[in-house]
Amino acid sequence: MRHIAIDVGSFHFVARLEEAAAPLTSAAFLKLLPFTSKVIHSRWSGEAVWVPMGEFDTGLDFENHTNHPSRGDVLFYPGGFSETEILFAYGSSQFASKMGQLAGNHFLTVIEGNELLMEMGRTVLWKGAQEITFTDLGER
C-alpha cells in the first residue's frame, strides 16, 4: 500500500492512499506531489479544513465519493458546483458549500496521527491558515 505524509503546520499525519477504491483520483493526485498550499477552516462542512484550488481542472469525475467523510478522511472535490478543493475532516463533518451539499472523492485515510486531528483542526480554526504539504512516502 502506498502512503502519503500530510503536514499541517507542526502536525504530522500519515495517510493510506485509497488506490483500489479511487484509482483515478489517486493517480491524478500523485502527479501533483509534492504539493504545498495553505489550509483554512471550512465554513460550511463542520469539523473540517480545506485547501481551496479555485478553477484548477482535475480532469476527474466522481469515484468513491461521499458527502459524510469520517474523521481522518481526505476528499478531493473535482469542481463543478463549487471550486476545486481538498477537504480534510478532523471530526464530525458533512461536505457542503454555499451551493449546498457536495460529494468529494475519498482518496486518503489517516492511519497515523489520529490523536492529533482535533488539535490540528482547532489550531486552524483559532490561529488561521496553516501551511499544508502532501508528500509521497511510497510503499510501506
Protein backbone atom coordinates (compact mmCIF):
# COMPACT_ATOMS: atom_id res chain seq x y z
CA MET A 1 0.00 0.00 0.00
CA ARG A 2 1.16 3.49 -0.83
CA HIS A 3 1.25 6.14 1.89
CA ILE A 4 1.24 9.93 1.89
CA ALA A 5 2.65 12.23 4.58
CA ILE A 6 0.41 15.18 5.42
CA ASP A 7 2.00 18.02 7.37
CA VAL A 8 -0.27 20.80 8.61
CA GLY A 9 1.75 23.45 10.42
CA SER A 10 3.56 21.47 13.13
CA PHE A 11 1.19 18.47 12.91
CA HIS A 12 2.30 15.31 11.10
CA PHE A 13 -0.02 12.61 9.73
CA VAL A 14 0.42 9.53 7.57
CA ALA A 15 -2.44 8.54 5.29
CA ARG A 16 -3.18 5.44 3.23
CA LEU A 17 -3.78 6.18 -0.45
CA GLU A 18 -7.10 4.56 -1.38
CA GLU A 19 -5.88 3.33 -4.79
CA ALA A 20 -8.32 0.40 -5.03
CA ALA A 21 -11.41 2.48 -4.23
CA ALA A 22 -10.36 5.69 -6.05
CA PRO A 23 -7.74 4.73 -8.66
CA LEU A 24 -8.19 7.71 -10.99
CA THR A 25 -8.22 10.26 -8.16
CA SER A 26 -5.18 8.62 -6.56
CA ALA A 27 -3.23 8.66 -9.82
CA ALA A 28 -4.12 12.29 -10.52
CA PHE A 29 -3.14 13.36 -7.01
CA LEU A 30 0.20 11.55 -7.16
CA LYS A 31 1.10 13.67 -10.19
CA LEU A 32 0.74 16.80 -8.04
CA LEU A 33 3.20 15.65 -5.37
CA PRO A 34 4.91 17.10 -3.53
CA PHE A 35 2.03 19.53 -3.08
CA THR A 36 2.18 22.55 -0.75
CA SER A 37 -0.55 25.09 -0.15
CA LYS A 38 -2.50 26.78 2.64
CA VAL A 39 -5.30 25.09 4.54
CA ILE A 40 -8.14 27.08 6.11
CA HIS A 41 -11.07 26.11 8.28
CA SER A 42 -14.19 25.09 6.39
CA ARG A 43 -17.11 27.48 6.55
CA TRP A 44 -19.86 25.02 5.70
CA SER A 45 -18.63 21.49 6.39
CA GLY A 46 -18.35 21.27 10.16
CA GLU A 47 -15.15 19.91 11.69
CA ALA A 48 -13.00 20.04 8.57
CA VAL A 49 -10.29 22.11 6.96
CA TRP A 50 -9.90 22.70 3.25
CA VAL A 51 -7.45 23.65 0.55
CA PRO A 52 -9.15 25.95 -1.99
CA MET A 53 -7.90 25.28 -5.52
CA GLY A 54 -10.09 27.68 -7.50
CA GLU A 55 -10.70 26.72 -11.10
CA PHE A 56 -7.99 24.03 -11.17
CA ASP A 57 -9.10 21.39 -13.68
CA THR A 58 -8.56 17.94 -12.20
CA GLY A 59 -9.96 16.15 -15.24
CA LEU A 60 -11.71 13.86 -12.74
CA ASP A 61 -15.26 12.66 -12.34
CA PHE A 62 -16.74 11.29 -9.13
CA GLU A 63 -15.42 8.00 -7.73
CA ASN A 64 -15.63 6.66 -4.19
CA HIS A 65 -17.42 9.91 -3.40
CA THR A 66 -19.14 10.79 -0.16
CA ASN A 67 -20.95 13.66 1.49
CA HIS A 68 -20.17 12.43 5.01
CA PRO A 69 -16.42 11.97 5.44
CA SER A 70 -15.28 10.25 8.61
CA ARG A 71 -12.69 11.67 10.97
CA GLY A 72 -9.33 11.42 9.17
CA ASP A 73 -10.79 11.11 5.65
CA VAL A 74 -9.44 13.36 2.91
CA LEU A 75 -11.64 14.16 -0.09
CA PHE A 76 -10.72 15.62 -3.47
CA TYR A 77 -13.61 17.59 -4.94
CA PRO A 78 -13.12 17.76 -8.73
CA GLY A 79 -15.07 21.00 -9.15
CA GLY A 80 -18.40 21.72 -10.73
CA PHE A 81 -20.94 23.31 -8.40
CA SER A 82 -18.20 24.85 -6.29
CA GLU A 83 -14.48 25.39 -6.70
CA THR A 84 -11.99 22.53 -6.81
CA GLU A 85 -10.76 21.69 -3.32
CA ILE A 86 -9.30 19.19 -0.91
CA LEU A 87 -11.34 18.63 2.27
CA PHE A 88 -9.67 17.12 5.37
CA ALA A 89 -12.17 16.04 8.06
CA TYR A 90 -10.87 16.16 11.63
CA GLY A 91 -14.20 15.42 13.32
CA SER A 92 -17.92 15.42 12.53
CA SER A 93 -18.38 16.68 9.00
CA GLN A 94 -20.88 16.96 6.19
CA PHE A 95 -19.28 18.26 3.00
CA ALA A 96 -21.02 21.41 1.74
CA SER A 97 -20.61 24.84 0.20
CA LYS A 98 -22.82 27.89 -0.16
CA MET A 99 -24.39 26.00 -3.08
CA GLY A 100 -25.49 23.20 -0.72
CA GLN A 101 -24.27 19.66 -0.13
CA LEU A 102 -21.30 18.39 -2.12
CA ALA A 103 -19.68 14.99 -2.58
CA GLY A 104 -15.95 14.54 -2.84
CA ASN A 105 -13.72 11.63 -3.82
CA HIS A 106 -12.42 9.89 -0.70
CA PHE A 107 -8.82 9.11 -1.65
CA LEU A 108 -6.80 9.31 1.60
CA THR A 109 -7.40 7.90 5.08
CA VAL A 110 -5.25 8.98 8.03
CA ILE A 111 -3.68 5.96 9.72
CA GLU A 112 -1.05 7.68 11.91
CA GLY A 113 -1.56 10.81 13.99
CA ASN A 114 -5.31 10.39 14.54
CA GLU A 115 -4.91 11.60 18.11
CA LEU A 116 -3.75 14.98 16.73
CA LEU A 117 -6.67 15.59 14.35
CA MET A 118 -8.86 17.60 16.74
CA GLU A 119 -5.92 19.75 17.90
CA MET A 120 -4.93 20.41 14.28
CA GLY A 121 -8.47 21.48 13.39
CA ARG A 122 -8.77 23.77 16.38
CA THR A 123 -5.39 25.31 15.55
CA VAL A 124 -6.57 26.16 12.04
CA LEU A 125 -9.87 27.48 13.43
CA TRP A 126 -8.34 29.74 16.08
CA LYS A 127 -4.92 30.61 14.64
CA GLY A 128 -5.85 30.85 10.96
CA ALA A 129 -4.41 29.46 7.74
CA GLN A 130 -1.62 26.92 8.09
CA GLU A 131 0.78 25.52 5.52
CA ILE A 132 -0.12 22.04 4.34
CA THR A 133 2.22 19.70 2.49
CA PHE A 134 1.46 16.30 0.96
CA THR A 135 4.49 14.07 0.27
CA ASP A 136 4.62 10.61 -1.27
CA LEU A 137 6.11 8.08 1.17
CA GLY A 138 5.85 5.24 -1.34
CA GLU A 139 5.03 1.64 -0.45
CA ARG A 140 5.19 0.72 3.24
